[in-house]
Amino acid sequence: ASHGGRRGPSFNSNNRTFVFNYTLAKTIVEYASAVYMTDLTALYTWTCSRCNDLTKGFEIRCIIVDIQNCLQVCMLHCYYLNLHGKVCSP
């Protein structure tokens, strides 16, 4: 299924073809960069400088910050990709 983005070259591996989807890749990179924000309120409301006016349709379900181990985890749901996941920053 297309996510409305431009497509790149196809890659073959073990007789399976994978097509690079630029829009999907950009969306995931934008989300992954947002987890490094220190303004947790802006991150939770998806208005931070790394996500505002960029990737739409994400809902942050939970942000976990472990100060002792210097770890931040975001649980998300992306409506238009039907994507559930988590991103961690060490």
PDB file of N, CA and C in Angstrom:
ATOM      1  N   ALA A   1       0.843  -1.191   0.000  1.00  0.00           N
ATOM      2  CA  ALA A   1       0.000   0.000   0.000  1.00  0.00           C
ATOM      3  C   ALA A   1       0.875   1.237   0.000  1.00  0.00           C
ATOM      4  N   SER A   2       0.511   2.189  -0.815  1.00  0.00           N
ATOM      5  CA  SER A   2       1.264   3.432  -0.899  1.00  0.00           C
ATOM      6  C   SER A   2       0.844   4.369   0.215  1.00  0.00           C
ATOM      7  N   HIS A   3       1.802   5.114   0.745  1.00  0.00           N
ATOM      8  CA  HIS A   3       1.519   6.110   1.773  1.00  0.00           C
ATOM      9  C   HIS A   3       1.578   7.503   1.171  1.00  0.00           C
ATOM     10  N   GLY A   4       1.383   7.603  -0.143  1.00  0.00           N
ATOM     11  CA  GLY A   4       1.326   8.890  -0.794  1.00  0.00           C
ATOM     12  C   GLY A   4       2.672   9.531  -1.050  1.00  0.00           C
ATOM     13  N   GLY A   5       3.739   8.805  -0.864  1.00  0.00           N
ATOM     14  CA  GLY A   5       5.056   9.399  -1.022  1.00  0.00           C
ATOM     15  C   GLY A   5       5.750   8.917  -2.269  1.00  0.00           C
ATOM     16  N   ARG A   6       6.841   9.579  -2.567  1.00  0.00           N
ATOM     17  CA  ARG A   6       7.608   9.134  -3.718  1.00  0.00           C
ATOM     18  C   ARG A   6       8.335   7.851  -3.379  1.00  0.00           C
ATOM     19  N   ARG A   7       8.524   7.058  -4.370  1.00  0.00           N
ATOM     20  CA  ARG A   7       9.164   5.770  -4.179  1.00  0.00           C
ATOM     21  C   ARG A   7      10.557   5.798  -4.781  1.00  0.00           C
ATOM     22  N   GLY A   8      11.430   5.068  -4.160  1.00  0.00           N
ATOM     23  CA  GLY A   8      12.794   4.970  -4.647  1.00  0.00           C
ATOM     24  C   GLY A   8      13.010   3.640  -5.325  1.00  0.00           C
ATOM     25  N   PRO A   9      14.246   3.228  -5.420  1.00  0.00           N
ATOM     26  CA  PRO A   9      14.567   1.977  -6.108  1.00  0.00           C
ATOM     27  C   PRO A   9      14.101   0.760  -5.326  1.00  0.00           C
ATOM     28  N   SER A  10      13.957  -0.336  -6.046  1.00  0.00           N
ATOM     29  CA  SER A  10      13.618  -1.616  -5.424  1.00  0.00           C
ATOM     30  C   SER A  10      14.902  -2.339  -5.035  1.00  0.00           C
ATOM     31  N   PHE A  11      14.828  -3.123  -3.983  1.00  0.00           N
ATOM     32  CA  PHE A  11      15.958  -3.914  -3.523  1.00  0.00           C
ATOM     33  C   PHE A  11      15.520  -5.363  -3.456  1.00  0.00           C
ATOM     34  N   ASN A  12      16.370  -6.268  -3.871  1.00  0.00           N
ATOM     35  CA  ASN A  12      16.071  -7.690  -3.819  1.00  0.00           C
ATOM     36  C   ASN A  12      16.939  -8.361  -2.772  1.00  0.00           C
ATOM     37  N   SER A  13      16.329  -9.237  -2.001  1.00  0.00           N
ATOM     38  CA  SER A  13      17.042 -10.009  -1.006  1.00  0.00           C
ATOM     39  C   SER A  13      16.327 -11.339  -0.841  1.00  0.00           C
ATOM     40  N   ASN A  14      17.024 -12.419  -1.112  1.00  0.00           N
ATOM     41  CA  ASN A  14      16.445 -13.762  -0.974  1.00  0.00           C
ATOM     42  C   ASN A  14      15.133 -13.883  -1.737  1.00  0.00           C
ATOM     43  N   ASN A  15      15.128 -13.402  -2.976  1.00  0.00           N
ATOM     44  CA  ASN A  15      13.964 -13.472  -3.863  1.00  0.00           C
ATOM     45  C   ASN A  15      12.763 -12.683  -3.364  1.00  0.00           C
ATOM     46  N   ARG A  16      12.985 -11.731  -2.460  1.00  0.00           N
ATOM     47  CA  ARG A  16      11.922 -10.829  -2.015  1.00  0.00           C
ATOM     48  C   ARG A  16      12.300  -9.427  -2.457  1.00  0.00           C
ATOM     49  N   THR A  17      11.322  -8.667  -2.903  1.00  0.00           N
ATOM     50  CA  THR A  17      11.577  -7.312  -3.363  1.00  0.00           C
ATOM     51  C   THR A  17      11.093  -6.322  -2.325  1.00  0.00           C
ATOM     52  N   PHE A  18      11.930  -5.349  -2.009  1.00  0.00           N
ATOM     53  CA  PHE A  18      11.587  -4.290  -1.078  1.00  0.00           C
ATOM     54  C   PHE A  18      11.674  -2.967  -1.828  1.00  0.00           C
ATOM     55  N   VAL A  19      10.674  -2.134  -1.681  1.00  0.00           N
ATOM     56  CA  VAL A  19      10.662  -0.834  -2.330  1.00  0.00           C
ATOM     57  C   VAL A  19      10.848   0.233  -1.265  1.00  0.00           C
ATOM     58  N   PHE A  20      11.832   1.103  -1.456  1.00  0.00           N
ATOM     59  CA  PHE A  20      12.087   2.191  -0.526  1.00  0.00           C
ATOM     60  C   PHE A  20      10.982   3.226  -0.659  1.00  0.00           C
ATOM     61  N   ASN A  21      10.361   3.589   0.448  1.00  0.00           N
ATOM     62  CA  ASN A  21       9.308   4.598   0.457  1.00  0.00           C
ATOM     63  C   ASN A  21       9.854   5.826   1.172  1.00  0.00           C
ATOM     64  N   TYR A  22      10.129   6.879   0.408  1.00  0.00           N
ATOM     65  CA  TYR A  22      10.735   8.091   0.942  1.00  0.00           C
ATOM     66  C   TYR A  22       9.876   8.722   2.035  1.00  0.00           C
ATOM     67  N   THR A  23       8.579   8.813   1.813  1.00  0.00           N
ATOM     68  CA  THR A  23       7.686   9.449   2.789  1.00  0.00           C
ATOM     69  C   THR A  23       7.673   8.676   4.101  1.00  0.00           C
ATOM     70  N   LEU A  24       7.586   7.372   4.026  1.00  0.00           N
ATOM     71  CA  LEU A  24       7.600   6.549   5.235  1.00  0.00           C
ATOM     72  C   LEU A  24       8.932   6.696   5.966  1.00  0.00           C
ATOM     73  N   ALA A  25      10.044   6.680   5.231  1.00  0.00           N
ATOM     74  CA  ALA A  25      11.359   6.834   5.853  1.00  0.00           C
ATOM     75  C   ALA A  25      11.484   8.194   6.531  1.00  0.00           C
ATOM     76  N   LYS A  26      11.032   9.254   5.870  1.00  0.00           N
ATOM     77  CA  LYS A  26      11.108  10.601   6.438  1.00  0.00           C
ATOM     78  C   LYS A  26      10.250  10.706   7.695  1.00  0.00           C
ATOM     79  N   THR A  27       9.075  10.118   7.673  1.00  0.00           N
ATOM     80  CA  THR A  27       8.185  10.134   8.831  1.00  0.00           C
ATOM     81  C   THR A  27       8.841   9.461  10.028  1.00  0.00           C
ATOM     82  N   ILE A  28       9.443   8.325   9.819  1.00  0.00           N
ATOM     83  CA  ILE A  28      10.078   7.592  10.916  1.00  0.00           C
ATOM     84  C   ILE A  28      11.294   8.349  11.447  1.00  0.00           C
ATOM     85  N   VAL A  29      12.070   8.968  10.570  1.00  0.00           N
ATOM     86  CA  VAL A  29      13.231   9.752  11.008  1.00  0.00           C
ATOM     87  C   VAL A  29      12.783  10.969  11.807  1.00  0.00           C
ATOM     88  N   GLU A  30      11.728  11.651  11.362  1.00  0.00           N
ATOM     89  CA  GLU A  30      11.220  12.805  12.104  1.00  0.00           C
ATOM     90  C   GLU A  30      10.750  12.389  13.494  1.00  0.00           C
ATOM     91  N   TYR A  31      10.065  11.274  13.578  1.00  0.00           N
ATOM     92  CA  TYR A  31       9.607  10.804  14.881  1.00  0.00           C
ATOM     93  C   TYR A  31      10.793  10.440  15.772  1.00  0.00           C
ATOM     94  N   ALA A  32      11.753   9.716  15.199  1.00  0.00           N
ATOM     95  CA  ALA A  32      12.914   9.292  15.987  1.00  0.00           C
ATOM     96  C   ALA A  32      13.708  10.490  16.504  1.00  0.00           C
ATOM     97  N   SER A  33      13.791  11.568  15.729  1.00  0.00           N
ATOM     98  CA  SER A  33      14.539  12.741  16.195  1.00  0.00           C
ATOM     99  C   SER A  33      13.793  13.468  17.308  1.00  0.00           C
ATOM    100  N   ALA A  34      12.474  13.376  17.324  1.00  0.00           N
ATOM    101  CA  ALA A  34      11.677  14.074  18.337  1.00  0.00           C
ATOM    102  C   ALA A  34      11.926  13.526  19.737  1.00  0.00           C
ATOM    103  N   VAL A  35      12.283  12.267  19.862  1.00  0.00           N
ATOM    104  CA  VAL A  35      12.468  11.669  21.184  1.00  0.00           C
ATOM    105  C   VAL A  35      13.631  12.310  21.940  1.00  0.00           C
ATOM    106  N   TYR A  36      14.506  13.023  21.248  1.00  0.00           N
ATOM    107  CA  TYR A  36      15.640  13.681  21.896  1.00  0.00           C
ATOM    108  C   TYR A  36      15.293  15.066  22.431  1.00  0.00           C
ATOM    109  N   MET A  37      14.052  15.495  22.327  1.00  0.00           N
ATOM    110  CA  MET A  37      13.629  16.795  22.844  1.00  0.00           C
ATOM    111  C   MET A  37      13.621  16.766  24.369  1.00  0.00           C
ATOM    112  N   THR A  38      13.963  17.896  24.987  1.00  0.00           N
ATOM    113  CA  THR A  38      13.943  17.974  26.447  1.00  0.00           C
ATOM    114  C   THR A  38      12.644  18.582  26.963  1.00  0.00           C
ATOM    115  N   ASP A  39      11.892  19.266  26.114  1.00  0.00           N
ATOM    116  CA  ASP A  39      10.603  19.834  26.502  1.00  0.00           C
ATOM    117  C   ASP A  39       9.540  18.746  26.354  1.00  0.00           C
ATOM    118  N   LEU A  40       9.307  18.009  27.432  1.00  0.00           N
ATOM    119  CA  LEU A  40       8.409  16.859  27.371  1.00  0.00           C
ATOM    120  C   LEU A  40       6.960  17.248  27.131  1.00  0.00           C
ATOM    121  N   THR A  41       6.544  18.423  27.606  1.00  0.00           N
ATOM    122  CA  THR A  41       5.172  18.870  27.358  1.00  0.00           C
ATOM    123  C   THR A  41       4.962  19.101  25.872  1.00  0.00           C
ATOM    124  N   ALA A  42       5.897  19.786  25.228  1.00  0.00           N
ATOM    125  CA  ALA A  42       5.791  20.028  23.785  1.00  0.00           C
ATOM    126  C   ALA A  42       5.859  18.719  23.003  1.00  0.00           C
ATOM    127  N   LEU A  43       6.664  17.779  23.469  1.00  0.00           N
ATOM    128  CA  LEU A  43       6.735  16.481  22.814  1.00  0.00           C
ATOM    129  C   LEU A  43       5.416  15.732  22.964  1.00  0.00           C
ATOM    130  N   TYR A  44       4.873  15.717  24.173  1.00  0.00           N
ATOM    131  CA  TYR A  44       3.630  14.980  24.420  1.00  0.00           C
ATOM    132  C   TYR A  44       2.459  15.552  23.625  1.00  0.00           C
ATOM    133  N   THR A  45       2.424  16.866  23.457  1.00  0.00           N
ATOM    134  CA  THR A  45       1.342  17.495  22.689  1.00  0.00           C
ATOM    135  C   THR A  45       1.679  17.575  21.203  1.00  0.00           C
ATOM    136  N   TRP A  46       2.832  17.089  20.823  1.00  0.00           N
ATOM    137  CA  TRP A  46       3.315  17.031  19.437  1.00  0.00           C
ATOM    138  C   TRP A  46       3.406  18.427  18.824  1.00  0.00           C
ATOM    139  N   THR A  47       3.911  19.377  19.640  1.00  0.00           N
ATOM    140  CA  THR A  47       4.119  20.746  19.174  1.00  0.00           C
ATOM    141  C   THR A  47       5.581  21.154  19.296  1.00  0.00           C
ATOM    142  N   CYS A  48       6.468  20.209  19.504  1.00  0.00           N
ATOM    143  CA  CYS A  48       7.887  20.526  19.652  1.00  0.00           C
ATOM    144  C   CYS A  48       8.469  20.996  18.315  1.00  0.00           C
ATOM    145  N   SER A  49       9.635  21.621  18.374  1.00  0.00           N
ATOM    146  CA  SER A  49      10.248  22.184  17.164  1.00  0.00           C
ATOM    147  C   SER A  49      10.614  21.117  16.138  1.00  0.00           C
ATOM    148  N   ARG A  50      10.806  19.898  16.563  1.00  0.00           N
ATOM    149  CA  ARG A  50      11.163  18.828  15.624  1.00  0.00           C
ATOM    150  C   ARG A  50       9.949  18.132  15.030  1.00  0.00           C
ATOM    151  N   CYS A  51       8.760  18.391  15.559  1.00  0.00           N
ATOM    152  CA  CYS A  51       7.591  17.692  15.035  1.00  0.00           C
ATOM    153  C   CYS A  51       6.476  18.630  14.604  1.00  0.00           C
ATOM    154  N   ASN A  52       6.460  19.846  15.088  1.00  0.00           N
ATOM    155  CA  ASN A  52       5.399  20.790  14.751  1.00  0.00           C
ATOM    156  C   ASN A  52       5.447  21.116  13.262  1.00  0.00           C
ATOM    157  N   ASP A  53       4.313  20.996  12.606  1.00  0.00           N
ATOM    158  CA  ASP A  53       4.162  21.260  11.171  1.00  0.00           C
ATOM    159  C   ASP A  53       4.920  20.273  10.289  1.00  0.00           C
ATOM    160  N   LEU A  54       5.390  19.193  10.828  1.00  0.00           N
ATOM    161  CA  LEU A  54       6.065  18.195  10.010  1.00  0.00           C
ATOM    162  C   LEU A  54       5.180  16.959   9.915  1.00  0.00           C
ATOM    163  N   THR A  55       5.471  15.981  10.700  1.00  0.00           N
ATOM    164  CA  THR A  55       4.722  14.741  10.673  1.00  0.00           C
ATOM    165  C   THR A  55       3.406  14.900  11.416  1.00  0.00           C
ATOM    166  N   LYS A  56       2.322  14.579  10.766  1.00  0.00           N
ATOM    167  CA  LYS A  56       0.988  14.684  11.362  1.00  0.00           C
ATOM    168  C   LYS A  56       0.469  13.285  11.693  1.00  0.00           C
ATOM    169  N   GLY A  57      -0.475  13.230  12.602  1.00  0.00           N
ATOM    170  CA  GLY A  57      -1.161  11.977  12.862  1.00  0.00           C
ATOM    171  C   GLY A  57      -0.554  11.099  13.936  1.00  0.00           C
ATOM    172  N   PHE A  58       0.475  11.576  14.635  1.00  0.00           N
ATOM    173  CA  PHE A  58       1.037  10.797  15.730  1.00  0.00           C
ATOM    174  C   PHE A  58       0.329  11.154  17.025  1.00  0.00           C
ATOM    175  N   GLU A  59       0.107  10.172  17.836  1.00  0.00           N
ATOM    176  CA  GLU A  59      -0.397  10.395  19.187  1.00  0.00           C
ATOM    177  C   GLU A  59       0.611   9.772  20.140  1.00  0.00           C
ATOM    178  N   ILE A  60       1.195  10.594  20.988  1.00  0.00           N
ATOM    179  CA  ILE A  60       2.102  10.076  22.008  1.00  0.00           C
ATOM    180  C   ILE A  60       1.235   9.488  23.110  1.00  0.00           C
ATOM    181  N   ARG A  61       1.397   8.219  23.370  1.00  0.00           N
ATOM    182  CA  ARG A  61       0.605   7.540  24.393  1.00  0.00           C
ATOM    183  C   ARG A  61       1.267   7.621  25.759  1.00  0.00           C
ATOM    184  N   CYS A  62       2.606   7.661  25.782  1.00  0.00           N
ATOM    185  CA  CYS A  62       3.316   7.608  27.048  1.00  0.00           C
ATOM    186  C   CYS A  62       4.754   8.066  26.841  1.00  0.00           C
ATOM    187  N   ILE A  63       5.278   8.830  27.790  1.00  0.00           N
ATOM    188  CA  ILE A  63       6.694   9.193  27.799  1.00  0.00           C
ATOM    189  C   ILE A  63       7.265   8.721  29.131  1.00  0.00           C
ATOM    190  N   ILE A  64       8.317   7.936  29.070  1.00  0.00           N
ATOM    191  CA  ILE A  64       8.975   7.419  30.267  1.00  0.00           C
ATOM    192  C   ILE A  64      10.383   7.995  30.306  1.00  0.00           C
ATOM    193  N   VAL A  65      10.741   8.620  31.409  1.00  0.00           N
ATOM    194  CA  VAL A  65      12.077   9.191  31.567  1.00  0.00           C
ATOM    195  C   VAL A  65      12.744   8.513  32.758  1.00  0.00           C
ATOM    196  N   ASP A  66      13.891   7.920  32.514  1.00  0.00           N
ATOM    197  CA  ASP A  66      14.690   7.278  33.552  1.00  0.00           C
ATOM    198  C   ASP A  66      15.962   8.105  33.715  1.00  0.00           C
ATOM    199  N   ILE A  67      15.980   8.986  34.702  1.00  0.00           N
ATOM    200  CA  ILE A  67      17.108   9.894  34.905  1.00  0.00           C
ATOM    201  C   ILE A  67      18.362   9.132  35.313  1.00  0.00           C
ATOM    202  N   GLN A  68      18.217   8.135  36.165  1.00  0.00           N
ATOM    203  CA  GLN A  68      19.373   7.383  36.647  1.00  0.00           C
ATOM    204  C   GLN A  68      20.141   6.735  35.496  1.00  0.00           C
ATOM    205  N   ASN A  69      19.432   6.180  34.525  1.00  0.00           N
ATOM    206  CA  ASN A  69      20.078   5.508  33.400  1.00  0.00           C
ATOM    207  C   ASN A  69      20.120   6.369  32.140  1.00  0.00           C
ATOM    208  N   CYS A  70      19.704   7.639  32.266  1.00  0.00           N
ATOM    209  CA  CYS A  70      19.731   8.585  31.141  1.00  0.00           C
ATOM    210  C   CYS A  70      19.000   8.006  29.927  1.00  0.00           C
ATOM    211  N   LEU A  71      17.739   7.638  30.131  1.00  0.00           N
ATOM    212  CA  LEU A  71      16.948   6.985  29.091  1.00  0.00           C
ATOM    213  C   LEU A  71      15.593   7.660  28.966  1.00  0.00           C
ATOM    214  N   GLN A  72      15.152   7.857  27.749  1.00  0.00           N
ATOM    215  CA  GLN A  72      13.816   8.399  27.496  1.00  0.00           C
ATOM    216  C   GLN A  72      13.139   7.511  26.464  1.00  0.00           C
ATOM    217  N   VAL A  73      11.905   7.109  26.731  1.00  0.00           N
ATOM    218  CA  VAL A  73      11.148   6.240  25.842  1.00  0.00           C
ATOM    219  C   VAL A  73       9.817   6.900  25.533  1.00  0.00           C
ATOM    220  N   CYS A  74       9.422   6.867  24.269  1.00  0.00           N
ATOM    221  CA  CYS A  74       8.114   7.385  23.860  1.00  0.00           C
ATOM    222  C   CYS A  74       7.316   6.252  23.243  1.00  0.00           C
ATOM    223  N   MET A  75       6.103   6.075  23.700  1.00  0.00           N
ATOM    224  CA  MET A  75       5.185   5.118  23.097  1.00  0.00           C
ATOM    225  C   MET A  75       4.257   5.911  22.193  1.00  0.00           C
ATOM    226  N   LEU A  76       4.018   5.427  20.973  1.00  0.00           N
ATOM    227  CA  LEU A  76       3.258   6.196  20.011  1.00  0.00           C
ATOM    228  C   LEU A  76       2.225   5.365  19.278  1.00  0.00           C
ATOM    229  N   HIS A  77       1.327   6.082  18.637  1.00  0.00           N
ATOM    230  CA  HIS A  77       0.407   5.493  17.674  1.00  0.00           C
ATOM    231  C   HIS A  77       0.334   6.454  16.502  1.00  0.00           C
ATOM    232  N   CYS A  78       0.514   5.954  15.294  1.00  0.00           N
ATOM    233  CA  CYS A  78       0.417   6.767  14.084  1.00  0.00           C
ATOM    234  C   CYS A  78      -0.824   6.309  13.335  1.00  0.00           C
ATOM    235  N   TYR A  79      -1.812   7.176  13.250  1.00  0.00           N
ATOM    236  CA  TYR A  79      -3.100   6.806  12.681  1.00  0.00           C
ATOM    237  C   TYR A  79      -3.038   6.495  11.194  1.00  0.00           C
ATOM    238  N   TYR A  80      -2.390   7.341  10.407  1.00  0.00           N
ATOM    239  CA  TYR A  80      -2.461   7.141   8.963  1.00  0.00           C
ATOM    240  C   TYR A  80      -1.572   6.005   8.466  1.00  0.00           C
ATOM    241  N   LEU A  81      -0.636   5.555   9.265  1.00  0.00           N
ATOM    242  CA  LEU A  81       0.183   4.404   8.902  1.00  0.00           C
ATOM    243  C   LEU A  81      -0.241   3.147   9.647  1.00  0.00           C
ATOM    244  N   ASN A  82      -1.198   3.274  10.568  1.00  0.00           N
ATOM    245  CA  ASN A  82      -1.597   2.177  11.444  1.00  0.00           C
ATOM    246  C   ASN A  82      -0.354   1.570  12.101  1.00  0.00           C
ATOM    247  N   LEU A  83       0.456   2.443  12.682  1.00  0.00           N
ATOM    248  CA  LEU A  83       1.748   2.073  13.252  1.00  0.00           C
ATOM    249  C   LEU A  83       1.712   2.244  14.760  1.00  0.00           C
ATOM    250  N   HIS A  84       2.147   1.229  15.471  1.00  0.00           N
ATOM    251  CA  HIS A  84       2.320   1.295  16.921  1.00  0.00           C
ATOM    252  C   HIS A  84       3.791   1.013  17.176  1.00  0.00           C
ATOM    253  N   GLY A  85       4.378   1.720  18.107  1.00  0.00           N
ATOM    254  CA  GLY A  85       5.781   1.444  18.362  1.00  0.00           C
ATOM    255  C   GLY A  85       6.329   2.236  19.516  1.00  0.00           C
ATOM    256  N   LYS A  86       7.621   2.141  19.680  1.00  0.00           N
ATOM    257  CA  LYS A  86       8.305   2.907  20.711  1.00  0.00           C
ATOM    258  C   LYS A  86       9.676   3.290  20.190  1.00  0.00           C
ATOM    259  N   VAL A  87      10.159   4.409  20.665  1.00  0.00           N
ATOM    260  CA  VAL A  87      11.491   4.888  20.308  1.00  0.00           C
ATOM    261  C   VAL A  87      12.199   5.224  21.597  1.00  0.00           C
ATOM    262  N   CYS A  88      13.434   4.795  21.719  1.00  0.00           N
ATOM    263  CA  CYS A  88      14.231   5.047  22.915  1.00  0.00           C
ATOM    264  C   CYS A  88      15.422   5.912  22.554  1.00  0.00           C
ATOM    265  N   SER A  89      15.809   6.771  23.474  1.00  0.00           N
ATOM    266  CA  SER A  89      17.046   7.532  23.294  1.00  0.00           C
ATOM    267  C   SER A  89      17.946   7.258  24.483  1.00  0.00           C
ATOM    268  N   PRO A  90      19.168   6.843  24.212  1.00  0.00           N
ATOM    269  CA  PRO A  90      20.089   6.573  25.319  1.00  0.00           C
ATOM    270  C   PRO A  90      20.658   7.851  25.880  1.00  0.00           C
TER     271      PRO A  90
END
